[in-house]
Amino acid sequence: KDIAQFAPNFTVYVLPPDQVCFYSEDRKF
């Protein structure tokens, strides 16, 4: 029911065609 947003501690990169990187100062996924 809620509007979704990325957690504000992450900068999110899309690497087409099939990879997403969640990047912060202390964690990268």
All heavy atoms as atom14 arrays in JSON, in Angstrom:
{
  "sequence": "KDIAQFAPNFTVYVLPPDQVCFYSEDRKF",
  "atom14_mask": [
    [1, 1, 1, 1, 1, 1, 1, 1, 1, 0, 0, 0, 0, 0],
    [1, 1, 1, 1, 1, 1, 1, 1, 0, 0, 0, 0, 0, 0],
    [1, 1, 1, 1, 1, 1, 1, 1, 0, 0, 0, 0, 0, 0],
    [1, 1, 1, 1, 1, 0, 0, 0, 0, 0, 0, 0, 0, 0],
    [1, 1, 1, 1, 1, 1, 1, 1, 1, 0, 0, 0, 0, 0],
    [1, 1, 1, 1, 1, 1, 1, 1, 1, 1, 1, 0, 0, 0],
    [1, 1, 1, 1, 1, 0, 0, 0, 0, 0, 0, 0, 0, 0],
    [1, 1, 1, 1, 1, 1, 1, 0, 0, 0, 0, 0, 0, 0],
    [1, 1, 1, 1, 1, 1, 1, 1, 0, 0, 0, 0, 0, 0],
    [1, 1, 1, 1, 1, 1, 1, 1, 1, 1, 1, 0, 0, 0],
    [1, 1, 1, 1, 1, 1, 1, 0, 0, 0, 0, 0, 0, 0],
    [1, 1, 1, 1, 1, 1, 1, 0, 0, 0, 0, 0, 0, 0],
    [1, 1, 1, 1, 1, 1, 1, 1, 1, 1, 1, 1, 0, 0],
    [1, 1, 1, 1, 1, 1, 1, 0, 0, 0, 0, 0, 0, 0],
    [1, 1, 1, 1, 1, 1, 1, 1, 0, 0, 0, 0, 0, 0],
    [1, 1, 1, 1, 1, 1, 1, 0, 0, 0, 0, 0, 0, 0],
    [1, 1, 1, 1, 1, 1, 1, 0, 0, 0, 0, 0, 0, 0],
    [1, 1, 1, 1, 1, 1, 1, 1, 0, 0, 0, 0, 0, 0],
    [1, 1, 1, 1, 1, 1, 1, 1, 1, 0, 0, 0, 0, 0],
    [1, 1, 1, 1, 1, 1, 1, 0, 0, 0, 0, 0, 0, 0],
    [1, 1, 1, 1, 1, 1, 0, 0, 0, 0, 0, 0, 0, 0],
    [1, 1, 1, 1, 1, 1, 1, 1, 1, 1, 1, 0, 0, 0],
    [1, 1, 1, 1, 1, 1, 1, 1, 1, 1, 1, 1, 0, 0],
    [1, 1, 1, 1, 1, 1, 0, 0, 0, 0, 0, 0, 0, 0],
    [1, 1, 1, 1, 1, 1, 1, 1, 1, 0, 0, 0, 0, 0],
    [1, 1, 1, 1, 1, 1, 1, 1, 0, 0, 0, 0, 0, 0],
    [1, 1, 1, 1, 1, 1, 1, 1, 1, 1, 1, 0, 0, 0],
    [1, 1, 1, 1, 1, 1, 1, 1, 1, 0, 0, 0, 0, 0],
    [1, 1, 1, 1, 1, 1, 1, 1, 1, 1, 1, 0, 0, 0]
  ],
  "atom14_positions": [
    [[0.82, -1.21, 0.0], [0.0, 0.0, 0.0], [0.85, 1.26, 0.0], [0.33, 2.35, -0.18], [-0.91, 0.01, 1.23], [-1.87, -1.17, 1.3], [-2.68, -1.1, 2.58], [-3.61, -2.3, 2.7], [-4.39, -2.25, 3.97], [0.0, 0.0, 0.0], [0.0, 0.0, 0.0], [0.0, 0.0, 0.0], [0.0, 0.0, 0.0], [0.0, 0.0, 0.0]],
    [[2.19, 1.12, 0.25], [3.06, 2.27, 0.46], [3.88, 2.57, -0.78], [4.22, 1.68, -1.56], [3.99, 2.01, 1.65], [3.23, 1.65, 2.9], [2.19, 2.27, 3.15], [3.69, 0.73, 3.62], [0.0, 0.0, 0.0], [0.0, 0.0, 0.0], [0.0, 0.0, 0.0], [0.0, 0.0, 0.0], [0.0, 0.0, 0.0], [0.0, 0.0, 0.0]],
    [[4.22, 3.85, -0.93], [5.1, 4.26, -2.02], [6.51, 3.8, -1.68], [7.01, 4.0, -0.58], [5.07, 5.78, -2.21], [3.65, 6.24, -2.51], [6.02, 6.19, -3.34], [3.05, 5.62, -3.75], [0.0, 0.0, 0.0], [0.0, 0.0, 0.0], [0.0, 0.0, 0.0], [0.0, 0.0, 0.0], [0.0, 0.0, 0.0], [0.0, 0.0, 0.0]],
    [[7.15, 3.17, -2.63], [8.5, 2.62, -2.4], [9.56, 3.61, -2.86], [9.39, 4.3, -3.88], [8.66, 1.3, -3.14], [0.0, 0.0, 0.0], [0.0, 0.0, 0.0], [0.0, 0.0, 0.0], [0.0, 0.0, 0.0], [0.0, 0.0, 0.0], [0.0, 0.0, 0.0], [0.0, 0.0, 0.0], [0.0, 0.0, 0.0], [0.0, 0.0, 0.0]],
    [[10.64, 3.67, -2.1], [11.81, 4.43, -2.52], [13.05, 3.67, -2.05], [12.98, 2.82, -1.16], [11.81, 5.84, -1.93], [12.12, 5.88, -0.44], [12.46, 7.27, 0.06], [11.69, 8.2, -0.14], [13.61, 7.39, 0.7], [0.0, 0.0, 0.0], [0.0, 0.0, 0.0], [0.0, 0.0, 0.0], [0.0, 0.0, 0.0], [0.0, 0.0, 0.0]],
    [[14.17, 3.98, -2.67], [15.4, 3.35, -2.21], [15.79, 3.91, -0.85], [15.55, 5.08, -0.54], [16.53, 3.6, -3.21], [16.34, 2.85, -4.5], [16.17, 3.52, -5.7], [16.33, 1.46, -4.52], [16.01, 2.84, -6.88], [16.16, 0.77, -5.7], [15.99, 1.45, -6.89], [0.0, 0.0, 0.0], [0.0, 0.0, 0.0], [0.0, 0.0, 0.0]],
    [[16.41, 3.05, -0.04], [16.91, 3.51, 1.26], [17.87, 4.68, 1.02], [18.74, 4.6, 0.14], [17.63, 2.38, 1.98], [0.0, 0.0, 0.0], [0.0, 0.0, 0.0], [0.0, 0.0, 0.0], [0.0, 0.0, 0.0], [0.0, 0.0, 0.0], [0.0, 0.0, 0.0], [0.0, 0.0, 0.0], [0.0, 0.0, 0.0], [0.0, 0.0, 0.0]],
    [[17.71, 5.77, 1.77], [18.46, 7.0, 1.45], [19.96, 6.91, 1.67], [20.68, 7.83, 1.28], [17.82, 8.03, 2.38], [17.25, 7.25, 3.5], [16.79, 5.97, 2.9], [0.0, 0.0, 0.0], [0.0, 0.0, 0.0], [0.0, 0.0, 0.0], [0.0, 0.0, 0.0], [0.0, 0.0, 0.0], [0.0, 0.0, 0.0], [0.0, 0.0, 0.0]],
    [[20.45, 5.84, 2.29], [21.9, 5.72, 2.45], [22.58, 5.14, 1.22], [23.8, 5.09, 1.15], [22.23, 4.85, 3.67], [21.61, 3.48, 3.61], [20.43, 3.36, 3.33], [22.38, 2.44, 3.9], [0.0, 0.0, 0.0], [0.0, 0.0, 0.0], [0.0, 0.0, 0.0], [0.0, 0.0, 0.0], [0.0, 0.0, 0.0], [0.0, 0.0, 0.0]],
    [[21.79, 4.71, 0.22], [22.35, 4.11, -0.98], [22.22, 5.04, -2.19], [21.2, 5.7, -2.37], [21.64, 2.79, -1.32], [22.01, 1.65, -0.43], [21.06, 1.07, 0.4], [23.3, 1.14, -0.42], [21.39, 0.01, 1.22], [23.64, 0.07, 0.4], [22.69, -0.48, 1.23], [0.0, 0.0, 0.0], [0.0, 0.0, 0.0], [0.0, 0.0, 0.0]],
    [[23.28, 5.05, -2.99], [23.18, 5.51, -4.37], [23.05, 4.26, -5.22], [23.82, 3.3, -5.04], [24.43, 6.3, -4.77], [24.53, 7.46, -3.94], [24.37, 6.72, -6.24], [0.0, 0.0, 0.0], [0.0, 0.0, 0.0], [0.0, 0.0, 0.0], [0.0, 0.0, 0.0], [0.0, 0.0, 0.0], [0.0, 0.0, 0.0], [0.0, 0.0, 0.0]],
    [[22.05, 4.25, -6.14], [21.73, 3.02, -6.87], [22.13, 3.19, -8.34], [21.76, 4.17, -8.99], [20.24, 2.68, -6.75], [19.94, 1.36, -7.46], [19.84, 2.58, -5.28], [0.0, 0.0, 0.0], [0.0, 0.0, 0.0], [0.0, 0.0, 0.0], [0.0, 0.0, 0.0], [0.0, 0.0, 0.0], [0.0, 0.0, 0.0], [0.0, 0.0, 0.0]],
    [[22.9, 2.22, -8.82], [23.35, 2.22, -10.21], [22.73, 1.02, -10.93], [22.71, -0.1, -10.39], [24.87, 2.1, -10.3], [25.63, 3.26, -9.72], [25.98, 3.28, -8.38], [26.02, 4.33, -10.52], [26.7, 4.35, -7.84], [26.74, 5.4, -10.0], [27.08, 5.4, -8.65], [27.79, 6.44, -8.12], [0.0, 0.0, 0.0], [0.0, 0.0, 0.0]],
    [[22.23, 1.26, -12.13], [21.74, 0.19, -13.0], [22.78, -0.04, -14.09], [23.2, 0.9, -14.78], [20.39, 0.55, -13.63], [19.97, -0.53, -14.64], [19.33, 0.69, -12.55], [0.0, 0.0, 0.0], [0.0, 0.0, 0.0], [0.0, 0.0, 0.0], [0.0, 0.0, 0.0], [0.0, 0.0, 0.0], [0.0, 0.0, 0.0], [0.0, 0.0, 0.0]],
    [[23.21, -1.29, -14.22], [24.2, -1.67, -15.24], [23.51, -2.62, -16.21], [23.46, -3.84, -15.99], [25.41, -2.37, -14.61], [26.38, -1.53, -13.77], [25.78, -1.23, -12.39], [27.7, -2.26, -13.61], [0.0, 0.0, 0.0], [0.0, 0.0, 0.0], [0.0, 0.0, 0.0], [0.0, 0.0, 0.0], [0.0, 0.0, 0.0], [0.0, 0.0, 0.0]],
    [[22.86, -2.08, -17.26], [22.13, -2.92, -18.22], [23.06, -3.98, -18.8], [24.28, -3.75, -18.95], [21.66, -1.94, -19.29], [21.71, -0.59, -18.63], [22.86, -0.66, -17.67], [0.0, 0.0, 0.0], [0.0, 0.0, 0.0], [0.0, 0.0, 0.0], [0.0, 0.0, 0.0], [0.0, 0.0, 0.0], [0.0, 0.0, 0.0], [0.0, 0.0, 0.0]],
    [[22.57, -5.17, -19.09], [21.14, -5.48, -19.04], [20.66, -6.14, -17.75], [19.47, -6.28, -17.53], [21.0, -6.46, -20.2], [22.32, -7.22, -20.18], [23.35, -6.22, -19.79], [0.0, 0.0, 0.0], [0.0, 0.0, 0.0], [0.0, 0.0, 0.0], [0.0, 0.0, 0.0], [0.0, 0.0, 0.0], [0.0, 0.0, 0.0], [0.0, 0.0, 0.0]],
    [[21.6, -6.56, -16.85], [21.12, -7.42, -15.77], [21.84, -7.24, -14.44], [21.93, -8.17, -13.65], [21.22, -8.89, -16.2], [22.65, -9.31, -16.51], [23.55, -8.44, -16.46], [22.86, -10.5, -16.8], [0.0, 0.0, 0.0], [0.0, 0.0, 0.0], [0.0, 0.0, 0.0], [0.0, 0.0, 0.0], [0.0, 0.0, 0.0], [0.0, 0.0, 0.0]],
    [[22.36, -6.04, -14.12], [23.04, -5.85, -12.83], [22.62, -4.52, -12.21], [22.45, -3.51, -12.9], [24.56, -5.87, -13.01], [25.11, -7.24, -13.38], [26.62, -7.24, -13.49], [27.2, -6.26, -13.93], [27.25, -8.34, -13.09], [0.0, 0.0, 0.0], [0.0, 0.0, 0.0], [0.0, 0.0, 0.0], [0.0, 0.0, 0.0], [0.0, 0.0, 0.0]],
    [[22.47, -4.57, -10.87], [22.14, -3.37, -10.08], [23.14, -3.29, -8.93], [23.41, -4.3, -8.27], [20.7, -3.43, -9.52], [20.41, -2.19, -8.68], [19.69, -3.55, -10.65], [0.0, 0.0, 0.0], [0.0, 0.0, 0.0], [0.0, 0.0, 0.0], [0.0, 0.0, 0.0], [0.0, 0.0, 0.0], [0.0, 0.0, 0.0], [0.0, 0.0, 0.0]],
    [[23.68, -2.11, -8.7], [24.63, -1.91, -7.59], [24.04, -0.94, -6.57], [23.65, 0.18, -6.93], [25.95, -1.37, -8.11], [27.16, -1.03, -6.8], [0.0, 0.0, 0.0], [0.0, 0.0, 0.0], [0.0, 0.0, 0.0], [0.0, 0.0, 0.0], [0.0, 0.0, 0.0], [0.0, 0.0, 0.0], [0.0, 0.0, 0.0], [0.0, 0.0, 0.0]],
    [[23.99, -1.37, -5.32], [23.61, -0.5, -4.2], [24.92, -0.06, -3.54], [25.65, -0.88, -2.99], [22.73, -1.25, -3.21], [21.35, -1.53, -3.73], [21.11, -2.63, -4.55], [20.29, -0.69, -3.43], [19.85, -2.89, -5.05], [19.02, -0.95, -3.93], [18.8, -2.04, -4.74], [0.0, 0.0, 0.0], [0.0, 0.0, 0.0], [0.0, 0.0, 0.0]],
    [[25.2, 1.24, -3.62], [26.52, 1.75, -3.25], [26.39, 2.76, -2.12], [25.64, 3.74, -2.2], [27.16, 2.43, -4.46], [28.59, 2.84, -4.26], [29.63, 2.02, -4.68], [28.92, 4.04, -3.64], [30.96, 2.39, -4.5], [30.24, 4.42, -3.45], [31.25, 3.58, -3.88], [32.55, 3.94, -3.69], [0.0, 0.0, 0.0], [0.0, 0.0, 0.0]],
    [[27.1, 2.5, -1.01], [27.2, 3.48, 0.08], [28.65, 3.54, 0.52], [29.49, 2.76, 0.05], [26.3, 3.11, 1.26], [26.81, 1.99, 1.96], [0.0, 0.0, 0.0], [0.0, 0.0, 0.0], [0.0, 0.0, 0.0], [0.0, 0.0, 0.0], [0.0, 0.0, 0.0], [0.0, 0.0, 0.0], [0.0, 0.0, 0.0], [0.0, 0.0, 0.0]],
    [[28.96, 4.43, 1.47], [30.34, 4.6, 1.9], [30.89, 3.36, 2.59], [32.09, 3.08, 2.52], [30.45, 5.8, 2.83], [30.21, 7.13, 2.14], [30.23, 8.28, 3.11], [29.2, 8.52, 3.77], [31.28, 8.94, 3.24], [0.0, 0.0, 0.0], [0.0, 0.0, 0.0], [0.0, 0.0, 0.0], [0.0, 0.0, 0.0], [0.0, 0.0, 0.0]],
    [[30.02, 2.62, 3.25], [30.52, 1.47, 4.01], [30.03, 0.12, 3.5], [30.52, -0.92, 3.92], [30.14, 1.61, 5.49], [28.63, 1.63, 5.69], [27.92, 2.13, 4.8], [28.18, 1.17, 6.76], [0.0, 0.0, 0.0], [0.0, 0.0, 0.0], [0.0, 0.0, 0.0], [0.0, 0.0, 0.0], [0.0, 0.0, 0.0], [0.0, 0.0, 0.0]],
    [[29.05, 0.13, 2.55], [28.53, -1.14, 2.05], [28.27, -1.04, 0.55], [27.77, -0.01, 0.07], [27.25, -1.53, 2.79], [27.47, -1.9, 4.26], [26.19, -2.36, 4.91], [25.23, -1.26, 5.02], [23.99, -1.41, 5.47], [23.56, -2.62, 5.83], [23.18, -0.38, 5.56], [0.0, 0.0, 0.0], [0.0, 0.0, 0.0], [0.0, 0.0, 0.0]],
    [[28.57, -2.13, -0.14], [28.32, -2.21, -1.58], [27.73, -3.58, -1.89], [28.27, -4.6, -1.47], [29.62, -2.03, -2.39], [30.18, -0.61, -2.39], [31.04, -0.34, -1.17], [31.6, 1.09, -1.2], [32.24, 1.43, 0.09], [0.0, 0.0, 0.0], [0.0, 0.0, 0.0], [0.0, 0.0, 0.0], [0.0, 0.0, 0.0], [0.0, 0.0, 0.0]],
    [[26.6, -3.59, -2.64], [25.93, -4.85, -2.96], [25.56, -4.88, -4.44], [25.17, -3.84, -5.01], [24.66, -5.03, -2.13], [24.9, -5.02, -0.65], [24.63, -3.87, 0.09], [25.39, -6.13, 0.01], [24.84, -3.85, 1.46], [25.61, -6.11, 1.38], [25.34, -4.97, 2.1], [0.0, 0.0, 0.0], [0.0, 0.0, 0.0], [0.0, 0.0, 0.0]]
  ]
}
